[in-house]
Protein backbone atom coordinates (compact mmCIF):
# COMPACT_ATOMS: atom_id res chain seq x y z
CA THR A 1 17.05 10.23 48.83
CA ASN A 2 16.33 8.16 51.96
CA THR A 3 19.78 8.68 53.43
CA LYS A 4 18.38 11.19 55.95
CA CYS A 5 15.80 10.34 58.57
CA THR A 6 13.51 13.21 57.59
CA ASN A 7 13.55 11.97 53.98
CA SER A 8 12.84 8.33 54.77
CA GLN A 9 11.13 6.23 52.13
CA LYS A 10 7.46 5.53 52.85
CA VAL A 11 6.67 1.80 52.74
CA PRO A 12 2.96 0.92 52.49
CA LEU A 13 1.92 -2.57 53.55
CA ALA A 14 -0.12 -4.45 50.96
CA SER A 15 -2.17 -7.17 52.68
CA GLY A 16 0.10 -6.69 55.68
CA LYS A 17 3.37 -7.22 53.81
CA ALA A 18 6.10 -5.33 51.99
CA THR A 19 9.58 -6.00 50.64
CA VAL A 20 12.14 -3.33 49.84
CA THR A 21 15.68 -3.50 48.55
CA GLY A 22 18.41 -0.94 49.06
CA ASP A 23 22.12 -0.25 49.17
CA THR A 24 24.10 1.84 51.66
CA THR A 25 27.18 1.96 49.43
CA GLY A 26 28.21 5.57 48.87
CA CYS A 27 25.89 6.88 51.59
CA LYS A 28 27.06 8.97 54.54
CA ASN A 29 26.46 8.48 58.25
CA GLU A 30 23.86 11.14 59.02
CA PHE A 31 24.61 11.74 62.68
CA GLY A 32 28.33 10.89 62.94
CA SER A 33 29.57 9.31 66.18
CA SER A 34 26.43 10.28 68.03
CA ASN A 35 26.06 7.40 70.49
CA ILE A 36 23.15 5.59 68.87
CA PHE A 37 23.61 2.22 70.58
CA CYS A 38 19.96 1.08 70.87
CA GLY A 39 20.78 -0.72 74.10
CA THR A 40 23.73 -2.62 72.58
CA THR A 41 27.49 -2.11 72.83
CA VAL A 42 27.73 -1.06 69.18
CA ASP A 43 27.58 2.58 68.06
CA MET A 44 25.72 2.76 64.73
CA VAL A 45 28.36 4.74 62.82
CA GLY A 46 27.91 3.23 59.36
CA PRO A 47 26.03 4.78 56.45
CA GLN A 48 22.30 4.14 56.56
CA ARG A 49 19.06 4.00 54.65
CA TYR A 50 15.72 4.93 56.24
CA TYR A 51 12.19 3.59 55.70
CA THR A 52 8.93 4.65 57.35
CA VAL A 53 6.12 2.21 58.16
CA SER A 54 2.74 2.98 59.70
CA MET A 55 2.17 0.65 62.68
CA LYS A 56 -0.79 0.04 64.97
CA LYS A 57 -0.68 -0.13 68.75
CA GLY A 58 -0.76 -3.71 70.04
CA ASN A 59 -0.13 -5.35 66.65
CA GLN A 60 3.00 -7.41 66.07
CA TYR A 61 5.42 -6.69 63.23
CA ALA A 62 8.25 -8.84 61.92
CA LEU A 63 11.14 -7.15 60.10
CA THR A 64 13.60 -9.48 58.39
CA LEU A 65 16.91 -8.11 57.17
CA LYS A 66 19.00 -9.95 54.57
CA PRO A 67 22.26 -8.00 53.96
CA THR A 68 25.31 -8.56 51.77
CA PHE A 69 27.47 -7.05 54.55
CA GLU A 70 27.55 -7.20 58.34
CA ALA A 71 24.59 -4.96 59.13
CA HIS A 72 22.34 -3.74 61.91
CA LEU A 73 18.66 -2.83 61.78
CA TYR A 74 16.90 -0.59 64.27
CA VAL A 75 13.42 0.89 64.57
CA PHE A 76 12.27 4.06 66.31
CA MET A 77 9.37 6.51 66.32
CA GLU A 78 9.33 9.00 63.45
CA SER A 79 8.89 11.87 65.92
CA ASP A 80 12.43 11.13 67.21
CA CYS A 81 14.07 11.69 63.81
CA SER A 82 15.83 14.96 64.58
CA ASP A 83 17.54 13.93 67.81
CA PRO A 84 20.01 10.99 67.94
CA GLY A 85 19.54 10.82 71.71
CA ASP A 86 15.80 10.27 71.29
CA ILE A 87 16.48 7.73 68.54
CA ASP A 88 18.78 5.84 70.93
CA ILE A 89 16.08 5.70 73.63
CA SER A 90 13.35 4.64 71.20
CA CYS A 91 15.32 1.91 69.42
CA GLY A 92 16.56 0.61 72.77
CA SER A 93 13.06 0.18 74.20
CA GLY A 94 12.92 -3.58 73.65
CA GLY A 95 10.08 -3.70 71.13
CA PHE A 96 7.70 -1.14 72.67
CA GLN A 97 8.69 2.06 70.84
CA GLY A 98 11.24 0.36 68.60
CA GLY A 99 13.96 -2.27 68.64
CA VAL A 100 17.26 -3.47 67.22
CA ILE A 101 18.91 -6.55 65.74
CA GLY A 102 22.49 -7.15 64.70
CA PRO A 103 25.04 -7.75 63.69
CA VAL A 104 23.42 -9.67 60.85
CA ALA A 105 26.16 -11.57 59.04
CA LYS A 106 26.76 -11.19 55.33
CA GLY A 107 24.50 -13.54 53.38
CA SER A 108 22.34 -14.45 56.39
CA SER A 109 19.10 -13.07 57.79
CA LYS A 110 17.63 -12.07 61.15
CA THR A 111 14.15 -11.02 62.20
CA LEU A 112 13.13 -8.30 64.65
CA SER A 113 9.68 -8.62 66.21
CA ILE A 114 8.12 -5.53 67.76
CA THR A 115 4.74 -4.69 69.31
CA PRO A 116 4.34 -0.89 69.41
CA ILE A 117 2.59 0.74 72.36
CA TYR A 118 1.53 3.72 70.22
CA ASP A 119 -0.15 4.10 66.85
CA GLY A 120 1.98 6.03 64.40
CA ASN A 121 4.81 6.08 61.93
CA TYR A 122 7.99 4.19 62.75
CA VAL A 123 11.33 4.55 61.02
CA VAL A 124 13.39 1.49 60.09
CA ALA A 125 17.12 2.15 59.67
CA VAL A 126 19.58 -0.22 58.00
CA ASP A 127 23.03 0.63 59.34
CA SER A 128 26.32 -0.89 60.52
CA GLY A 129 28.71 -0.61 63.43
CA VAL A 130 31.72 0.29 61.27
CA SER A 131 31.94 3.41 59.11
CA SER A 132 33.34 1.47 56.16
CA LEU A 133 30.75 -1.34 56.20
CA ALA A 134 28.08 -0.88 53.54
CA GLY A 135 26.32 -2.81 50.82
CA ALA A 136 23.08 -4.09 49.36
CA PHE A 137 20.25 -5.61 51.38
CA SER A 138 16.61 -6.67 51.29
CA LEU A 139 14.06 -5.97 53.99
CA ASP A 140 10.81 -7.88 54.52
CA ILE A 141 8.11 -6.28 56.70
CA THR A 142 5.10 -8.29 57.86
CA GLU A 143 2.17 -7.29 60.06
CA LEU A 144 1.28 -10.32 62.15
CA ALA A 145 -2.08 -11.29 63.58
CA PRO A 146 -3.20 -9.22 66.62
CA ILE A 147 -2.44 -10.64 70.07
CA THR A 148 -5.49 -12.44 71.49
CA ASN A 149 -4.09 -14.67 74.26
CA THR A 150 -4.05 -11.96 76.92
CA THR A 151 -6.50 -13.73 79.26
CA CYS A 152 -6.53 -17.25 80.64
CA ALA A 153 -9.83 -17.98 78.91
CA LYS A 154 -8.23 -17.20 75.55
CA ALA A 155 -4.99 -19.17 76.00
CA LYS A 156 -3.32 -19.98 72.69
CA PRO A 157 -3.05 -23.71 71.89
CA VAL A 158 0.51 -24.95 71.43
CA ALA A 159 1.38 -28.18 69.62
CA LEU A 160 4.63 -30.06 70.18
CA THR A 161 6.37 -30.89 66.91
CA GLY A 162 8.91 -33.66 67.40
CA SER A 163 8.51 -33.20 71.16
CA VAL A 164 9.79 -29.61 70.93
CA THR A 165 8.28 -26.19 70.28
CA THR A 166 9.46 -22.57 70.54
CA ILE A 167 7.18 -19.67 71.41
CA LYS A 168 7.94 -15.97 71.00
CA GLY A 169 5.83 -13.16 72.40
CA ASN A 170 5.86 -9.65 73.82
CA THR A 171 3.88 -8.61 76.91
CA GLY A 172 4.72 -4.93 76.54
CA VAL A 173 1.21 -3.70 75.76
CA ILE A 174 -0.71 -6.23 77.87
CA LYS A 175 -2.59 -5.60 81.12
CA ASP A 176 -2.19 -7.81 84.18
CA GLU A 177 -5.27 -10.03 84.41
CA TYR A 178 -4.87 -11.09 88.06
CA PRO A 179 -3.07 -8.45 90.19
CA GLY A 180 -1.51 -9.94 93.32
CA LEU A 181 -1.22 -13.50 92.00
CA SER A 182 1.66 -15.27 93.75
CA CYS A 183 1.31 -19.01 92.96
CA ALA A 184 1.75 -19.80 96.69
CA GLY A 185 5.11 -18.02 96.70
CA ASN A 186 6.46 -14.82 98.19
CA VAL A 187 6.71 -12.96 94.88
CA LYS A 188 3.60 -11.29 93.55
CA LEU A 189 3.28 -11.81 89.80
CA SER A 190 1.91 -8.37 89.07
CA GLY A 191 3.26 -8.00 85.54
CA PRO A 192 1.37 -8.45 82.26
CA GLN A 193 1.15 -11.94 80.79
CA LEU A 194 0.37 -14.02 77.72
CA TYR A 195 -1.25 -17.43 78.02
CA TYR A 196 -0.56 -20.71 76.23
CA LYS A 197 -2.03 -24.18 76.64
CA LEU A 198 -0.84 -27.62 75.58
CA SER A 199 -1.83 -31.23 76.12
CA LEU A 200 0.41 -33.20 78.50
CA ILE A 201 0.62 -36.96 78.96
CA LYS A 202 0.54 -38.43 82.46
CA GLY A 203 3.93 -39.73 83.60
CA HIS A 204 5.91 -37.89 80.90
CA HIS A 205 8.59 -35.35 81.79
CA TYR A 206 8.44 -31.84 80.31
CA MET A 207 10.94 -28.98 80.44
CA LEU A 208 10.06 -25.30 79.91
CA THR A 209 13.02 -23.01 79.35
């Protein structure tokens, strides 16, 4: 029944987590060739399944797709369900009103992290970029801990494991702590920021990419 956006399957989060399984085999593409690109070069013309998750403004959510076919996953606000143009804008917003990942290769997995700027219901679509591509999949949804490192005084400690570490974040719902900061340069760093701190050893060389 969740082959149409307005009939998406409600997914409650138990202790911040949920796992669903589905299959797009035999489903139809709801909107046809309707230019739902989500900021990519791929039109989402495959058959799809829809799921609705309640999300909170400023919280981070991780959505991990594990398909048995080459699939895409995109997220958008439930209020955009009836208009593919609105869906395209929402899922192409870079994690603020939605997001997109793909292609996710058969037998592999990829994770989309989003931080909504509005409270509300968000629709998760499992789709593909080819009308004939369909199959089974599993979807893990996790609500992550709220963002706290939005000020310098609350910088998040970072530990180097084997001399390397990777950090992922999203400044989309953060306010700029120090407007006009320029770090002695000509460019004012007036955007929002997240802070991290780590211990460095005198005389050692470090690279931040």
